[in-house]
Amino acid sequence: MLRNLILAAGVAFALLTPAYAADPQTFKTEDSATAFCKTGNVVWFNPASKIYFPPGSQFYGKINGFTCRTFADKVRFRANKGN
């Protein structure tokens, strides 16, 4: 009985504790990211704001590193909303 109660408390704690997403896999150059990701799938990301920027946007190439859009989406980064 006590064992089941402790197990239930552990499961409840695990479910209520927020999950922290790690940064997506980072590439130093756009060429290395393109070689790993599909062409057109490379983005530039900012880990502080959890935002990623597609090619051609104002901050592309200026904040942290290149990654695949699918990696950024997987760790719950969001696309920038303009510029």
N, C-alpha and C. Protein backbone atom coordinates (compact mmCIF):
# COMPACT_ATOMS: atom_id res chain seq x y z
N MET A 1 0.82 -1.19 0.00
CA MET A 1 0.00 0.00 0.00
C MET A 1 0.86 1.26 0.00
N LEU A 2 1.82 1.31 0.92
CA LEU A 2 2.72 2.46 1.01
C LEU A 2 3.58 2.57 -0.26
N ARG A 3 3.97 1.43 -0.76
CA ARG A 3 4.76 1.41 -1.99
C ARG A 3 3.98 2.02 -3.15
N ASN A 4 2.71 1.67 -3.29
CA ASN A 4 1.87 2.21 -4.34
C ASN A 4 1.64 3.71 -4.17
N LEU A 5 1.52 4.16 -2.94
CA LEU A 5 1.34 5.58 -2.66
C LEU A 5 2.59 6.36 -3.06
N ILE A 6 3.75 5.85 -2.73
CA ILE A 6 5.01 6.50 -3.09
C ILE A 6 5.18 6.53 -4.61
N LEU A 7 4.84 5.44 -5.26
CA LEU A 7 4.92 5.37 -6.72
C LEU A 7 3.97 6.39 -7.36
N ALA A 8 2.75 6.47 -6.85
CA ALA A 8 1.78 7.43 -7.38
C ALA A 8 2.25 8.86 -7.17
N ALA A 9 2.84 9.15 -6.02
CA ALA A 9 3.35 10.49 -5.75
C ALA A 9 4.50 10.83 -6.71
N GLY A 10 5.36 9.87 -6.98
CA GLY A 10 6.45 10.08 -7.92
C GLY A 10 5.97 10.35 -9.33
N VAL A 11 4.97 9.61 -9.76
CA VAL A 11 4.40 9.82 -11.10
C VAL A 11 3.72 11.18 -11.18
N ALA A 12 2.98 11.57 -10.15
CA ALA A 12 2.32 12.87 -10.12
C ALA A 12 3.35 13.99 -10.16
N PHE A 13 4.43 13.86 -9.42
CA PHE A 13 5.48 14.86 -9.42
C PHE A 13 6.11 14.99 -10.80
N ALA A 14 6.38 13.87 -11.44
CA ALA A 14 6.98 13.88 -12.77
C ALA A 14 6.06 14.54 -13.80
N LEU A 15 4.77 14.32 -13.68
CA LEU A 15 3.82 14.91 -14.61
C LEU A 15 3.63 16.40 -14.38
N LEU A 16 3.76 16.86 -13.16
CA LEU A 16 3.54 18.26 -12.85
C LEU A 16 4.78 19.12 -12.98
N THR A 17 5.94 18.52 -13.02
CA THR A 17 7.19 19.26 -13.15
C THR A 17 7.35 19.69 -14.60
N PRO A 18 7.62 20.97 -14.87
CA PRO A 18 7.77 21.41 -16.26
C PRO A 18 9.01 20.80 -16.90
N ALA A 19 8.87 20.47 -18.16
CA ALA A 19 9.99 19.93 -18.91
C ALA A 19 10.75 21.08 -19.56
N TYR A 20 12.05 21.06 -19.44
CA TYR A 20 12.87 22.09 -20.04
C TYR A 20 13.48 21.55 -21.31
N ALA A 21 13.23 22.23 -22.41
CA ALA A 21 13.74 21.78 -23.69
C ALA A 21 15.21 22.17 -23.85
N ALA A 22 15.96 21.26 -24.36
CA ALA A 22 17.37 21.54 -24.65
C ALA A 22 17.44 22.34 -25.94
N ASP A 23 18.58 22.95 -26.17
CA ASP A 23 18.78 23.65 -27.44
C ASP A 23 18.87 22.61 -28.55
N PRO A 24 18.42 22.99 -29.74
CA PRO A 24 18.52 22.05 -30.86
C PRO A 24 19.97 21.83 -31.27
N GLN A 25 20.21 20.79 -32.05
CA GLN A 25 21.55 20.51 -32.54
C GLN A 25 22.05 21.72 -33.33
N THR A 26 23.26 22.15 -33.07
CA THR A 26 23.81 23.37 -33.66
C THR A 26 24.92 23.06 -34.65
N PHE A 27 24.95 23.82 -35.73
CA PHE A 27 26.00 23.72 -36.73
C PHE A 27 26.69 25.08 -36.83
N LYS A 28 28.00 25.07 -37.01
CA LYS A 28 28.78 26.32 -37.07
C LYS A 28 28.59 27.07 -38.38
N THR A 29 28.41 26.33 -39.47
CA THR A 29 28.28 26.97 -40.77
C THR A 29 26.97 26.56 -41.44
N GLU A 30 26.52 27.40 -42.33
CA GLU A 30 25.30 27.10 -43.07
C GLU A 30 25.51 25.88 -43.97
N ASP A 31 26.71 25.73 -44.52
CA ASP A 31 27.00 24.58 -45.38
C ASP A 31 26.91 23.26 -44.61
N SER A 32 27.44 23.23 -43.39
CA SER A 32 27.36 21.98 -42.61
C SER A 32 25.93 21.68 -42.21
N ALA A 33 25.15 22.72 -41.92
CA ALA A 33 23.74 22.50 -41.60
C ALA A 33 22.97 22.01 -42.82
N THR A 34 23.27 22.59 -43.98
CA THR A 34 22.59 22.18 -45.21
C THR A 34 22.95 20.74 -45.57
N ALA A 35 24.19 20.35 -45.31
CA ALA A 35 24.61 18.97 -45.60
C ALA A 35 23.86 17.97 -44.72
N PHE A 36 23.52 18.38 -43.49
CA PHE A 36 22.83 17.48 -42.57
C PHE A 36 21.32 17.55 -42.74
N CYS A 37 20.79 18.77 -42.83
CA CYS A 37 19.34 18.99 -42.96
C CYS A 37 18.98 18.93 -44.45
N LYS A 38 17.73 18.84 -44.72
CA LYS A 38 17.30 18.95 -46.11
C LYS A 38 17.49 20.40 -46.56
N THR A 39 17.74 20.59 -47.82
CA THR A 39 17.89 21.94 -48.37
C THR A 39 16.60 22.71 -48.14
N GLY A 40 16.72 23.95 -47.69
CA GLY A 40 15.55 24.77 -47.39
C GLY A 40 15.03 24.56 -45.99
N ASN A 41 15.67 23.72 -45.21
CA ASN A 41 15.23 23.41 -43.86
C ASN A 41 16.14 24.03 -42.80
N VAL A 42 17.14 24.82 -43.21
CA VAL A 42 18.10 25.40 -42.28
C VAL A 42 17.56 26.72 -41.74
N VAL A 43 17.67 26.90 -40.43
CA VAL A 43 17.26 28.15 -39.78
C VAL A 43 18.36 28.60 -38.82
N TRP A 44 18.30 29.84 -38.38
CA TRP A 44 19.21 30.41 -37.39
C TRP A 44 18.40 30.59 -36.13
N PHE A 45 18.94 30.23 -34.95
CA PHE A 45 18.12 30.28 -33.75
C PHE A 45 18.75 31.09 -32.63
N ASN A 46 17.89 31.57 -31.73
CA ASN A 46 18.29 32.31 -30.54
C ASN A 46 17.81 31.52 -29.33
N PRO A 47 18.72 30.89 -28.57
CA PRO A 47 18.29 30.08 -27.44
C PRO A 47 17.68 30.89 -26.30
N ALA A 48 18.03 32.14 -26.17
CA ALA A 48 17.49 32.97 -25.09
C ALA A 48 16.00 33.24 -25.29
N SER A 49 15.61 33.53 -26.52
CA SER A 49 14.21 33.86 -26.79
C SER A 49 13.41 32.66 -27.30
N LYS A 50 14.10 31.55 -27.61
CA LYS A 50 13.45 30.35 -28.16
C LYS A 50 12.77 30.65 -29.50
N ILE A 51 13.41 31.49 -30.31
CA ILE A 51 12.88 31.87 -31.62
C ILE A 51 13.90 31.46 -32.68
N TYR A 52 13.39 31.01 -33.84
CA TYR A 52 14.28 30.74 -34.96
C TYR A 52 13.91 31.60 -36.14
N PHE A 53 14.90 31.85 -37.00
CA PHE A 53 14.76 32.78 -38.11
C PHE A 53 15.09 32.08 -39.43
N PRO A 54 14.20 32.18 -40.41
CA PRO A 54 14.47 31.56 -41.71
C PRO A 54 15.44 32.42 -42.53
N PRO A 55 16.04 31.84 -43.58
CA PRO A 55 16.92 32.63 -44.43
C PRO A 55 16.19 33.86 -44.98
N GLY A 56 16.91 34.96 -45.04
CA GLY A 56 16.33 36.20 -45.56
C GLY A 56 15.72 37.09 -44.50
N SER A 57 15.57 36.59 -43.28
CA SER A 57 15.00 37.44 -42.23
C SER A 57 16.08 38.35 -41.65
N GLN A 58 15.68 39.37 -40.95
CA GLN A 58 16.58 40.41 -40.44
C GLN A 58 17.70 39.85 -39.55
N PHE A 59 17.40 38.87 -38.69
CA PHE A 59 18.38 38.37 -37.74
C PHE A 59 19.05 37.06 -38.16
N TYR A 60 18.80 36.61 -39.37
CA TYR A 60 19.40 35.36 -39.85
C TYR A 60 20.91 35.50 -39.85
N GLY A 61 21.61 34.61 -39.16
CA GLY A 61 23.05 34.61 -39.13
C GLY A 61 23.68 35.53 -38.10
N LYS A 62 22.89 36.10 -37.17
CA LYS A 62 23.43 37.10 -36.26
C LYS A 62 23.34 36.74 -34.78
N ILE A 63 22.75 35.62 -34.40
CA ILE A 63 22.52 35.40 -32.97
C ILE A 63 23.26 34.21 -32.40
N ASN A 64 23.00 32.99 -32.81
CA ASN A 64 23.66 31.85 -32.17
C ASN A 64 24.22 30.85 -33.16
N GLY A 65 23.39 30.08 -33.82
CA GLY A 65 23.90 29.05 -34.70
C GLY A 65 22.84 28.53 -35.65
N PHE A 66 23.29 27.76 -36.59
CA PHE A 66 22.38 27.14 -37.56
C PHE A 66 21.87 25.83 -37.01
N THR A 67 20.65 25.49 -37.38
CA THR A 67 20.07 24.21 -37.03
C THR A 67 19.01 23.86 -38.06
N CYS A 68 18.44 22.67 -37.96
CA CYS A 68 17.35 22.27 -38.84
C CYS A 68 16.03 22.78 -38.26
N ARG A 69 15.14 23.18 -39.12
CA ARG A 69 13.82 23.65 -38.66
C ARG A 69 13.11 22.55 -37.87
N THR A 70 13.27 21.30 -38.28
CA THR A 70 12.61 20.21 -37.56
C THR A 70 13.16 20.05 -36.14
N PHE A 71 14.48 20.26 -35.95
CA PHE A 71 15.05 20.22 -34.60
C PHE A 71 14.49 21.35 -33.75
N ALA A 72 14.43 22.55 -34.34
CA ALA A 72 13.92 23.71 -33.61
C ALA A 72 12.45 23.49 -33.21
N ASP A 73 11.67 22.96 -34.12
CA ASP A 73 10.26 22.67 -33.79
C ASP A 73 10.14 21.60 -32.71
N LYS A 74 11.01 20.61 -32.77
CA LYS A 74 10.95 19.50 -31.81
C LYS A 74 11.20 19.96 -30.38
N VAL A 75 12.10 20.93 -30.19
CA VAL A 75 12.37 21.43 -28.85
C VAL A 75 11.54 22.68 -28.53
N ARG A 76 10.51 22.89 -29.32
CA ARG A 76 9.49 23.93 -29.09
C ARG A 76 9.99 25.35 -29.23
N PHE A 77 10.93 25.57 -30.14
CA PHE A 77 11.26 26.93 -30.52
C PHE A 77 10.15 27.38 -31.45
N ARG A 78 9.97 28.67 -31.60
CA ARG A 78 8.91 29.15 -32.50
C ARG A 78 9.53 30.05 -33.57
N ALA A 79 8.87 30.11 -34.70
CA ALA A 79 9.34 30.95 -35.80
C ALA A 79 9.12 32.41 -35.45
N ASN A 80 10.01 33.26 -35.98
CA ASN A 80 9.82 34.69 -35.73
C ASN A 80 8.57 35.17 -36.46
N LYS A 81 8.00 36.25 -36.00
CA LYS A 81 6.76 36.75 -36.57
C LYS A 81 7.00 38.01 -37.39
N GLY A 82 7.87 37.89 -38.37
CA GLY A 82 8.14 39.04 -39.24
C GLY A 82 9.61 39.31 -39.33
N ASN A 83 9.94 40.23 -40.20
CA ASN A 83 11.34 40.66 -40.44
C ASN A 83 12.22 39.44 -40.62
